[in-house]
PDB file of all heavy atoms in Angstrom:
ATOM      1  N   LYS A   1    -142.231  14.187  85.223  1.00  0.00           N
ATOM      2  CA  LYS A   1    -141.317  14.688  84.201  1.00  0.00           C
ATOM      3  C   LYS A   1    -141.426  13.859  82.926  1.00  0.00           C
ATOM      4  O   LYS A   1    -141.342  14.395  81.823  1.00  0.00           O
ATOM      5  CB  LYS A   1    -139.885  14.692  84.726  1.00  0.00           C
ATOM      6  CG  LYS A   1    -139.606  15.778  85.761  1.00  0.00           C
ATOM      7  CD  LYS A   1    -138.150  15.777  86.167  1.00  0.00           C
ATOM      8  CE  LYS A   1    -137.889  16.910  87.171  1.00  0.00           C
ATOM      9  NZ  LYS A   1    -136.462  16.905  87.601  1.00  0.00           N
ATOM     10  N   GLU A   2    -141.596  12.548  83.080  1.00  0.00           N
ATOM     11  CA  GLU A   2    -141.735  11.672  81.926  1.00  0.00           C
ATOM     12  C   GLU A   2    -142.991  12.022  81.147  1.00  0.00           C
ATOM     13  O   GLU A   2    -142.991  12.002  79.916  1.00  0.00           O
ATOM     14  CB  GLU A   2    -141.779  10.209  82.378  1.00  0.00           C
ATOM     15  CG  GLU A   2    -140.464   9.665  82.885  1.00  0.00           C
ATOM     16  CD  GLU A   2    -139.392   9.690  81.799  1.00  0.00           C
ATOM     17  OE1 GLU A   2    -139.725   9.389  80.646  1.00  0.00           O
ATOM     18  OE2 GLU A   2    -138.249  10.039  82.107  1.00  0.00           O
ATOM     19  N   LEU A   3    -144.068  12.333  81.852  1.00  0.00           N
ATOM     20  CA  LEU A   3    -145.319  12.708  81.200  1.00  0.00           C
ATOM     21  C   LEU A   3    -145.164  14.016  80.433  1.00  0.00           C
ATOM     22  O   LEU A   3    -145.655  14.159  79.318  1.00  0.00           O
ATOM     23  CB  LEU A   3    -146.429  12.859  82.257  1.00  0.00           C
ATOM     24  CG  LEU A   3    -147.847  13.195  81.741  1.00  0.00           C
ATOM     25  CD1 LEU A   3    -148.318  12.112  80.782  1.00  0.00           C
ATOM     26  CD2 LEU A   3    -148.808  13.359  82.905  1.00  0.00           C
ATOM     27  N   GLU A   4    -144.452  14.983  81.032  1.00  0.00           N
ATOM     28  CA  GLU A   4    -144.209  16.258  80.373  1.00  0.00           C
ATOM     29  C   GLU A   4    -143.368  16.070  79.116  1.00  0.00           C
ATOM     30  O   GLU A   4    -143.618  16.701  78.089  1.00  0.00           O
ATOM     31  CB  GLU A   4    -143.518  17.211  81.341  1.00  0.00           C
ATOM     32  CG  GLU A   4    -144.431  17.714  82.464  1.00  0.00           C
ATOM     33  CD  GLU A   4    -143.693  18.583  83.470  1.00  0.00           C
ATOM     34  OE1 GLU A   4    -142.444  18.699  83.329  1.00  0.00           O
ATOM     35  OE2 GLU A   4    -144.339  19.122  84.370  1.00  0.00           O
ATOM     36  N   LYS A   5    -142.351  15.182  79.208  1.00  0.00           N
ATOM     37  CA  LYS A   5    -141.515  14.895  78.041  1.00  0.00           C
ATOM     38  C   LYS A   5    -142.344  14.290  76.920  1.00  0.00           C
ATOM     39  O   LYS A   5    -142.170  14.608  75.738  1.00  0.00           O
ATOM     40  CB  LYS A   5    -140.395  13.943  78.424  1.00  0.00           C
ATOM     41  CG  LYS A   5    -139.288  14.582  79.242  1.00  0.00           C
ATOM     42  CD  LYS A   5    -138.208  13.552  79.570  1.00  0.00           C
ATOM     43  CE  LYS A   5    -137.089  14.170  80.395  1.00  0.00           C
ATOM     44  NZ  LYS A   5    -136.051  13.163  80.727  1.00  0.00           N
ATOM     45  N   LYS A   6    -143.260  13.389  77.285  1.00  0.00           N
ATOM     46  CA  LYS A   6    -144.122  12.731  76.302  1.00  0.00           C
ATOM     47  C   LYS A   6    -145.021  13.751  75.611  1.00  0.00           C
ATOM     48  O   LYS A   6    -145.197  13.709  74.394  1.00  0.00           O
ATOM     49  CB  LYS A   6    -144.984  11.660  76.988  1.00  0.00           C
ATOM     50  CG  LYS A   6    -145.776  10.818  76.018  1.00  0.00           C
ATOM     51  CD  LYS A   6    -146.529   9.709  76.743  1.00  0.00           C
ATOM     52  CE  LYS A   6    -147.327   8.848  75.761  1.00  0.00           C
ATOM     53  NZ  LYS A   6    -148.058   7.763  76.479  1.00  0.00           N
ATOM     54  N   GLU A   7    -145.569  14.697  76.385  1.00  0.00           N
ATOM     55  CA  GLU A   7    -146.433  15.740  75.806  1.00  0.00           C
ATOM     56  C   GLU A   7    -145.661  16.633  74.834  1.00  0.00           C
ATOM     57  O   GLU A   7    -146.179  17.039  73.793  1.00  0.00           O
ATOM     58  CB  GLU A   7    -147.057  16.569  76.931  1.00  0.00           C
ATOM     59  CG  GLU A   7    -148.118  15.809  77.718  1.00  0.00           C
ATOM     60  CD  GLU A   7    -148.671  16.635  78.867  1.00  0.00           C
ATOM     61  OE1 GLU A   7    -148.091  17.718  79.161  1.00  0.00           O
ATOM     62  OE2 GLU A   7    -149.661  16.210  79.469  1.00  0.00           O
ATOM     63  N   VAL A   8    -144.393  16.944  75.201  1.00  0.00           N
ATOM     64  CA  VAL A   8    -143.546  17.763  74.320  1.00  0.00           C
ATOM     65  C   VAL A   8    -143.277  17.035  73.013  1.00  0.00           C
ATOM     66  O   VAL A   8    -143.333  17.626  71.919  1.00  0.00           O
ATOM     67  CB  VAL A   8    -142.213  18.116  75.027  1.00  0.00           C
ATOM     68  CG1 VAL A   8    -141.237  18.740  74.036  1.00  0.00           C
ATOM     69  CG2 VAL A   8    -142.477  19.067  76.171  1.00  0.00           C
ATOM     70  N   LEU A   9    -142.995  15.738  73.100  1.00  0.00           N
ATOM     71  CA  LEU A   9    -142.721  14.927  71.900  1.00  0.00           C
ATOM     72  C   LEU A   9    -143.941  14.853  70.997  1.00  0.00           C
ATOM     73  O   LEU A   9    -143.849  14.924  69.783  1.00  0.00           O
ATOM     74  CB  LEU A   9    -142.266  13.517  72.301  1.00  0.00           C
ATOM     75  CG  LEU A   9    -140.860  13.406  72.892  1.00  0.00           C
ATOM     76  CD1 LEU A   9    -140.601  11.981  73.416  1.00  0.00           C
ATOM     77  CD2 LEU A   9    -139.800  13.783  71.859  1.00  0.00           C
ATOM     78  N   ILE A  10    -145.119  14.674  71.628  1.00  0.00           N
ATOM     79  CA  ILE A  10    -146.382  14.613  70.856  1.00  0.00           C
ATOM     80  C   ILE A  10    -146.609  15.939  70.147  1.00  0.00           C
ATOM     81  O   ILE A  10    -146.995  15.986  68.967  1.00  0.00           O
ATOM     82  CB  ILE A  10    -147.564  14.280  71.789  1.00  0.00           C
ATOM     83  CG1 ILE A  10    -147.463  12.827  72.275  1.00  0.00           C
ATOM     84  CG2 ILE A  10    -148.886  14.501  71.057  1.00  0.00           C
ATOM     85  CD1 ILE A  10    -148.489  12.475  73.326  1.00  0.00           C
ATOM     86  N   LYS A  11    -146.351  17.067  70.846  1.00  0.00           N
ATOM     87  CA  LYS A  11    -146.538  18.393  70.267  1.00  0.00           C
ATOM     88  C   LYS A  11    -145.605  18.599  69.091  1.00  0.00           C
ATOM     89  O   LYS A  11    -145.993  19.117  68.041  1.00  0.00           O
ATOM     90  CB  LYS A  11    -146.323  19.461  71.323  1.00  0.00           C
ATOM     91  CG  LYS A  11    -146.658  20.872  70.861  1.00  0.00           C
ATOM     92  CD  LYS A  11    -146.512  21.876  71.979  1.00  0.00           C
ATOM     93  CE  LYS A  11    -146.860  23.276  71.491  1.00  0.00           C
ATOM     94  NZ  LYS A  11    -146.742  24.270  72.584  1.00  0.00           N
ATOM     95  N   LYS A  12    -144.327  18.204  69.248  1.00  0.00           N
ATOM     96  CA  LYS A  12    -143.356  18.348  68.170  1.00  0.00           C
ATOM     97  C   LYS A  12    -143.754  17.506  66.967  1.00  0.00           C
ATOM     98  O   LYS A  12    -143.645  17.946  65.821  1.00  0.00           O
ATOM     99  CB  LYS A  12    -141.975  17.923  68.662  1.00  0.00           C
ATOM    100  CG  LYS A  12    -141.281  18.953  69.564  1.00  0.00           C
ATOM    101  CD  LYS A  12    -139.897  18.498  69.940  1.00  0.00           C
ATOM    102  CE  LYS A  12    -139.189  19.555  70.804  1.00  0.00           C
ATOM    103  NZ  LYS A  12    -137.829  19.097  71.186  1.00  0.00           N
ATOM    104  N   SER A  13    -144.217  16.276  67.233  1.00  0.00           N
ATOM    105  CA  SER A  13    -144.629  15.380  66.158  1.00  0.00           C
ATOM    106  C   SER A  13    -145.791  15.980  65.388  1.00  0.00           C
ATOM    107  O   SER A  13    -145.815  15.966  64.147  1.00  0.00           O
ATOM    108  CB  SER A  13    -145.019  14.013  66.728  1.00  0.00           C
ATOM    109  OG  SER A  13    -145.524  13.179  65.729  1.00  0.00           O
ATOM    110  N   ARG A  14    -146.777  16.545  66.120  1.00  0.00           N
ATOM    111  CA  ARG A  14    -147.938  17.163  65.493  1.00  0.00           C
ATOM    112  C   ARG A  14    -147.536  18.369  64.641  1.00  0.00           C
ATOM    113  O   ARG A  14    -148.024  18.559  63.526  1.00  0.00           O
ATOM    114  CB  ARG A  14    -148.937  17.572  66.572  1.00  0.00           C
ATOM    115  CG  ARG A  14    -150.291  18.025  66.025  1.00  0.00           C
ATOM    116  CD  ARG A  14    -151.208  18.381  67.164  1.00  0.00           C
ATOM    117  NE  ARG A  14    -151.566  17.227  67.944  1.00  0.00           N
ATOM    118  CZ  ARG A  14    -152.120  17.286  69.163  1.00  0.00           C
ATOM    119  NH1 ARG A  14    -152.320  18.464  69.736  1.00  0.00           N
ATOM    120  NH2 ARG A  14    -152.430  16.193  69.810  1.00  0.00           N
ATOM    121  N   ASN A  15    -146.631  19.181  65.175  1.00  0.00           N
ATOM    122  CA  ASN A  15    -146.157  20.350  64.422  1.00  0.00           C
ATOM    123  C   ASN A  15    -145.450  19.942  63.138  1.00  0.00           C
ATOM    124  O   ASN A  15    -145.600  20.592  62.099  1.00  0.00           O
ATOM    125  CB  ASN A  15    -145.223  21.179  65.301  1.00  0.00           C
ATOM    126  CG  ASN A  15    -145.966  21.958  66.371  1.00  0.00           C
ATOM    127  OD1 ASN A  15    -147.153  22.188  66.264  1.00  0.00           O
ATOM    128  ND2 ASN A  15    -145.266  22.321  67.433  1.00  0.00           N
ATOM    129  N   ASN A  16    -144.668  18.857  63.207  1.00  0.00           N
ATOM    130  CA  ASN A  16    -143.988  18.351  62.008  1.00  0.00           C
ATOM    131  C   ASN A  16    -144.978  17.908  60.959  1.00  0.00           C
ATOM    132  O   ASN A  16    -144.788  18.147  59.761  1.00  0.00           O
ATOM    133  CB  ASN A  16    -143.066  17.188  62.392  1.00  0.00           C
ATOM    134  CG  ASN A  16    -141.828  17.666  63.154  1.00  0.00           C
ATOM    135  OD1 ASN A  16    -141.441  18.826  63.068  1.00  0.00           O
ATOM    136  ND2 ASN A  16    -141.242  16.772  63.933  1.00  0.00           N
ATOM    137  N   TYR A  17    -146.061  17.239  61.410  1.00  0.00           N
ATOM    138  CA  TYR A  17    -147.081  16.796  60.465  1.00  0.00           C
ATOM    139  C   TYR A  17    -147.757  17.978  59.795  1.00  0.00           C
ATOM    140  O   TYR A  17    -148.008  17.969  58.583  1.00  0.00           O
ATOM    141  CB  TYR A  17    -148.124  15.922  61.157  1.00  0.00           C
ATOM    142  CG  TYR A  17    -147.739  14.456  61.242  1.00  0.00           C
ATOM    143  CD1 TYR A  17    -147.592  13.824  62.458  1.00  0.00           C
ATOM    144  CD2 TYR A  17    -147.528  13.718  60.079  1.00  0.00           C
ATOM    145  CE1 TYR A  17    -147.242  12.483  62.532  1.00  0.00           C
ATOM    146  CE2 TYR A  17    -147.188  12.370  60.135  1.00  0.00           C
ATOM    147  CZ  TYR A  17    -147.037  11.771  61.369  1.00  0.00           C
ATOM    148  OH  TYR A  17    -146.694  10.438  61.437  1.00  0.00           O
ATOM    149  N   PHE A  18    -148.075  19.023  60.573  1.00  0.00           N
ATOM    150  CA  PHE A  18    -148.737  20.186  60.002  1.00  0.00           C
ATOM    151  C   PHE A  18    -147.828  20.928  59.033  1.00  0.00           C
ATOM    152  O   PHE A  18    -148.288  21.469  58.037  1.00  0.00           O
ATOM    153  CB  PHE A  18    -149.225  21.116  61.120  1.00  0.00           C
ATOM    154  CG  PHE A  18    -150.412  20.587  61.874  1.00  0.00           C
ATOM    155  CD1 PHE A  18    -150.504  20.738  63.252  1.00  0.00           C
ATOM    156  CD2 PHE A  18    -151.446  19.937  61.220  1.00  0.00           C
ATOM    157  CE1 PHE A  18    -151.596  20.259  63.944  1.00  0.00           C
ATOM    158  CE2 PHE A  18    -152.532  19.450  61.901  1.00  0.00           C
ATOM    159  CZ  PHE A  18    -152.619  19.601  63.269  1.00  0.00           C
ATOM    160  N   GLN A  19    -146.522  20.947  59.324  1.00  0.00           N
ATOM    161  CA  GLN A  19    -145.577  21.568  58.395  1.00  0.00           C
ATOM    162  C   GLN A  19    -145.527  20.782  57.090  1.00  0.00           C
ATOM    163  O   GLN A  19    -145.476  21.360  56.004  1.00  0.00           O
ATOM    164  CB  GLN A  19    -144.196  21.624  59.054  1.00  0.00           C
ATOM    165  CG  GLN A  19    -144.087  22.648  60.158  1.00  0.00           C
ATOM    166  CD  GLN A  19    -142.759  22.570  60.901  1.00  0.00           C
ATOM    167  OE1 GLN A  19    -141.856  21.853  60.492  1.00  0.00           O
ATOM    168  NE2 GLN A  19    -142.651  23.298  61.994  1.00  0.00           N
ATOM    169  N   SER A  20    -145.546  19.469  57.208  1.00  0.00           N
ATOM    170  CA  SER A  20    -145.574  18.611  56.013  1.00  0.00           C
ATOM    171  C   SER A  20    -146.861  18.829  55.222  1.00  0.00           C
ATOM    172  O   SER A  20    -146.850  18.929  53.994  1.00  0.00           O
ATOM    173  CB  SER A  20    -145.446  17.143  56.429  1.00  0.00           C
ATOM    174  OG  SER A  20    -145.634  16.277  55.319  1.00  0.00           O
ATOM    175  N   PHE A  21    -147.990  18.913  55.952  1.00  0.00           N
ATOM    176  CA  PHE A  21    -149.284  19.154  55.316  1.00  0.00           C
ATOM    177  C   PHE A  21    -149.269  20.471  54.546  1.00  0.00           C
ATOM    178  O   PHE A  21    -149.781  20.566  53.437  1.00  0.00           O
ATOM    179  CB  PHE A  21    -150.375  19.143  56.378  1.00  0.00           C
ATOM    180  CG  PHE A  21    -151.769  19.352  55.856  1.00  0.00           C
ATOM    181  CD1 PHE A  21    -152.484  18.307  55.297  1.00  0.00           C
ATOM    182  CD2 PHE A  21    -152.364  20.604  55.888  1.00  0.00           C
ATOM    183  CE1 PHE A  21    -153.760  18.493  54.790  1.00  0.00           C
ATOM    184  CE2 PHE A  21    -153.641  20.810  55.407  1.00  0.00           C
ATOM    185  CZ  PHE A  21    -154.330  19.745  54.861  1.00  0.00           C
ATOM    186  N   SER A  22    -148.671  21.496  55.155  1.00  0.00           N
ATOM    187  CA  SER A  22    -148.608  22.816  54.528  1.00  0.00           C
ATOM    188  C   SER A  22    -147.817  22.778  53.218  1.00  0.00           C
ATOM    189  O   SER A  22    -148.114  23.498  52.275  1.00  0.00           O
ATOM    190  CB  SER A  22    -147.973  23.830  55.467  1.00  0.00           C
ATOM    191  OG  SER A  22    -148.792  24.035  56.603  1.00  0.00           O
ATOM    192  N   ARG A  23    -146.776  21.950  53.196  1.00  0.00           N
ATOM    193  CA  ARG A  23    -145.971  21.824  51.974  1.00  0.00           C
ATOM    194  C   ARG A  23    -146.705  21.062  50.875  1.00  0.00           C
ATOM    195  O   ARG A  23    -146.551  21.353  49.688  1.00  0.00           O
ATOM    196  CB  ARG A  23    -144.642  21.124  52.287  1.00  0.00           C
ATOM    197  CG  ARG A  23    -143.667  21.947  53.112  1.00  0.00           C
ATOM    198  CD  ARG A  23    -142.285  21.296  53.124  1.00  0.00           C
ATOM    199  NE  ARG A  23    -142.318  19.964  53.699  1.00  0.00           N
ATOM    200  CZ  ARG A  23    -142.131  19.699  54.985  1.00  0.00           C
ATOM    201  NH1 ARG A  23    -141.891  20.698  55.823  1.00  0.00           N
ATOM    202  NH2 ARG A  23    -142.171  18.451  55.434  1.00  0.00           N
ATOM    203  N   ASN A  24    -147.491  20.080  51.280  1.00  0.00           N
ATOM    204  CA  ASN A  24    -148.095  19.169  50.304  1.00  0.00           C
ATOM    205  C   ASN A  24    -149.449  19.616  49.773  1.00  0.00           C
ATOM    206  O   ASN A  24    -149.929  19.047  48.773  1.00  0.00           O
ATOM    207  CB  ASN A  24    -148.225  17.768  50.907  1.00  0.00           C
ATOM    208  CG  ASN A  24    -146.884  17.071  51.051  1.00  0.00           C
ATOM    209  OD1 ASN A  24    -146.003  17.253  50.218  1.00  0.00           O
ATOM    210  ND2 ASN A  24    -146.710  16.292  52.097  1.00  0.00           N
ATOM    211  N   PHE A  25    -150.091  20.594  50.430  1.00  0.00           N
ATOM    212  CA  PHE A  25    -151.428  20.994  49.995  1.00  0.00           C
ATOM    213  C   PHE A  25    -151.560  22.519  49.914  1.00  0.00           C
ATOM    214  O   PHE A  25    -150.986  23.241  50.723  1.00  0.00           O
ATOM    215  CB  PHE A  25    -152.500  20.430  50.954  1.00  0.00           C
ATOM    216  CG  PHE A  25    -152.627  18.943  50.874  1.00  0.00           C
ATOM    217  CD1 PHE A  25    -151.951  18.125  51.774  1.00  0.00           C
ATOM    218  CD2 PHE A  25    -153.406  18.347  49.896  1.00  0.00           C
ATOM    219  CE1 PHE A  25    -152.049  16.750  51.692  1.00  0.00           C
ATOM    220  CE2 PHE A  25    -153.522  16.980  49.806  1.00  0.00           C
ATOM    221  CZ  PHE A  25    -152.845  16.177  50.715  1.00  0.00           C
ATOM    222  N   LYS A  26    -152.350  22.965  48.929  1.00  0.00           N
ATOM    223  CA  LYS A  26    -152.625  24.379  48.736  1.00  0.00           C
ATOM    224  C   LYS A  26    -154.105  24.644  48.981  1.00  0.00           C
ATOM    225  O   LYS A  26    -154.960  23.817  48.616  1.00  0.00           O
ATOM    226  CB  LYS A  26    -152.269  24.825  47.305  1.00  0.00           C
ATOM    227  CG  LYS A  26    -150.801  24.688  46.950  1.00  0.00           C
ATOM    228  CD  LYS A  26    -150.580  25.110  45.516  1.00  0.00           C
ATOM    229  CE  LYS A  26    -149.109  24.993  45.099  1.00  0.00           C
ATOM    230  NZ  LYS A  26    -148.907  25.388  43.684  1.00  0.00           N
ATOM    231  N   PHE A  27    -154.416  25.790  49.570  1.00  0.00           N
ATOM    232  CA  PHE A  27    -155.805  26.180  49.805  1.00  0.00           C
ATOM    233  C   PHE A  27    -156.204  27.219  48.766  1.00  0.00           C
ATOM    234  O   PHE A  27    -155.536  28.253  48.618  1.00  0.00           O
ATOM    235  CB  PHE A  27    -155.951  26.734  51.227  1.00  0.00           C
ATOM    236  CG  PHE A  27    -155.862  25.674  52.272  1.00  0.00           C
ATOM    237  CD1 PHE A  27    -154.625  25.170  52.671  1.00  0.00           C
ATOM    238  CD2 PHE A  27    -157.005  25.152  52.851  1.00  0.00           C
ATOM    239  CE1 PHE A  27    -154.531  24.176  53.615  1.00  0.00           C
ATOM    240  CE2 PHE A  27    -156.921  24.161  53.819  1.00  0.00           C
ATOM    241  CZ  PHE A  27    -155.675  23.670  54.197  1.00  0.00           C
ATOM    242  N   LYS A  28    -157.301  26.952  48.081  1.00  0.00           N
ATOM    243  CA  LYS A  28    -157.701  27.826  46.976  1.00  0.00           C
ATOM    244  C   LYS A  28    -159.185  28.114  47.016  1.00  0.00           C
ATOM    245  O   LYS A  28    -159.994  27.329  47.530  1.00  0.00           O
ATOM    246  CB  LYS A  28    -157.358  27.162  45.632  1.00  0.00           C
ATOM    247  CG  LYS A  28    -155.862  26.998  45.373  1.00  0.00           C
ATOM    248  CD  LYS A  28    -155.610  26.505  43.958  1.00  0.00           C
ATOM    249  CE  LYS A  28    -154.127  26.512  43.619  1.00  0.00           C
ATOM    250  NZ  LYS A  28    -153.888  26.132  42.217  1.00  0.00           N
ATOM    251  N   LEU A  29    -159.547  29.272  46.433  1.00  0.00           N
ATOM    252  CA  LEU A  29    -160.946  29.607  46.208  1.00  0.00           C
ATOM    253  C   LEU A  29    -161.276  29.393  44.749  1.00  0.00           C
ATOM    254  O   LEU A  29    -160.444  29.670  43.879  1.00  0.00           O
ATOM    255  CB  LEU A  29    -161.218  31.064  46.603  1.00  0.00           C
ATOM    256  CG  LEU A  29    -160.985  31.452  48.045  1.00  0.00           C
ATOM    257  CD1 LEU A  29    -161.393  32.906  48.279  1.00  0.00           C
ATOM    258  CD2 LEU A  29    -161.731  30.535  49.011  1.00  0.00           C
ATOM    259  N   ALA A  30    -162.470  28.894  44.487  1.00  0.00           N
ATOM    260  CA  ALA A  30    -162.916  28.686  43.114  1.00  0.00           C
ATOM    261  C   ALA A  30    -163.438  30.016  42.583  1.00  0.00           C
ATOM    262  O   ALA A  30    -164.559  30.420  42.869  1.00  0.00           O
ATOM    263  CB  ALA A  30    -163.991  27.606  43.061  1.00  0.00           C
ATOM    264  N   ILE A  31    -162.595  30.686  41.821  1.00  0.00           N
ATOM    265  CA  ILE A  31    -162.951  31.982  41.255  1.00  0.00           C
ATOM    266  C   ILE A  31    -163.360  31.842  39.790  1.00  0.00           C
ATOM    267  O   ILE A  31    -164.368  32.390  39.356  1.00  0.00           O
ATOM    268  CB  ILE A  31    -161.775  32.979  41.405  1.00  0.00           C
ATOM    269  CG1 ILE A  31    -161.443  33.158  42.890  1.00  0.00           C
ATOM    270  CG2 ILE A  31    -162.100  34.315  40.758  1.00  0.00           C
ATOM    271  CD1 ILE A  31    -160.206  33.980  43.158  1.00  0.00           C
ATOM    272  N   SER A  32    -162.586  31.095  39.040  1.00  0.00           N
ATOM    273  CA  SER A  32    -162.903  30.872  37.618  1.00  0.00           C
ATOM    274  C   SER A  32    -163.969  29.789  37.494  1.00  0.00           C
ATOM    275  O   SER A  32    -164.165  28.970  38.403  1.00  0.00           O
ATOM    276  CB  SER A  32    -161.647  30.431  36.866  1.00  0.00           C
ATOM    277  OG  SER A  32    -161.233  29.129  37.292  1.00  0.00           O
ATOM    278  N   GLN A  33    -164.672  29.767  36.358  1.00  0.00           N
ATOM    279  CA  GLN A  33    -165.678  28.731  36.125  1.00  0.00           C
ATOM    280  C   GLN A  33    -165.028  27.355  36.065  1.00  0.00           C
ATOM    281  O   GLN A  33    -165.628  26.362  36.499  1.00  0.00           O
ATOM    282  CB  GLN A  33    -166.440  29.007  34.824  1.00  0.00           C
ATOM    283  CG  GLN A  33    -167.682  28.126  34.641  1.00  0.00           C
ATOM    284  CD  GLN A  33    -168.674  28.292  35.775  1.00  0.00           C
ATOM    285  OE1 GLN A  33    -169.050  29.408  36.147  1.00  0.00           O
ATOM    286  NE2 GLN A  33    -169.119  27.167  36.349  1.00  0.00           N
TER     287      GLN A  33
END
């Protein structure tokens, strides 16, 4: 159970980082010169 709890915490932490990354960075295509 402790191992499962640790995996859940790691998953939540990773999701939080990706949400932060999504806020801080934009993905763009170079269309204009």
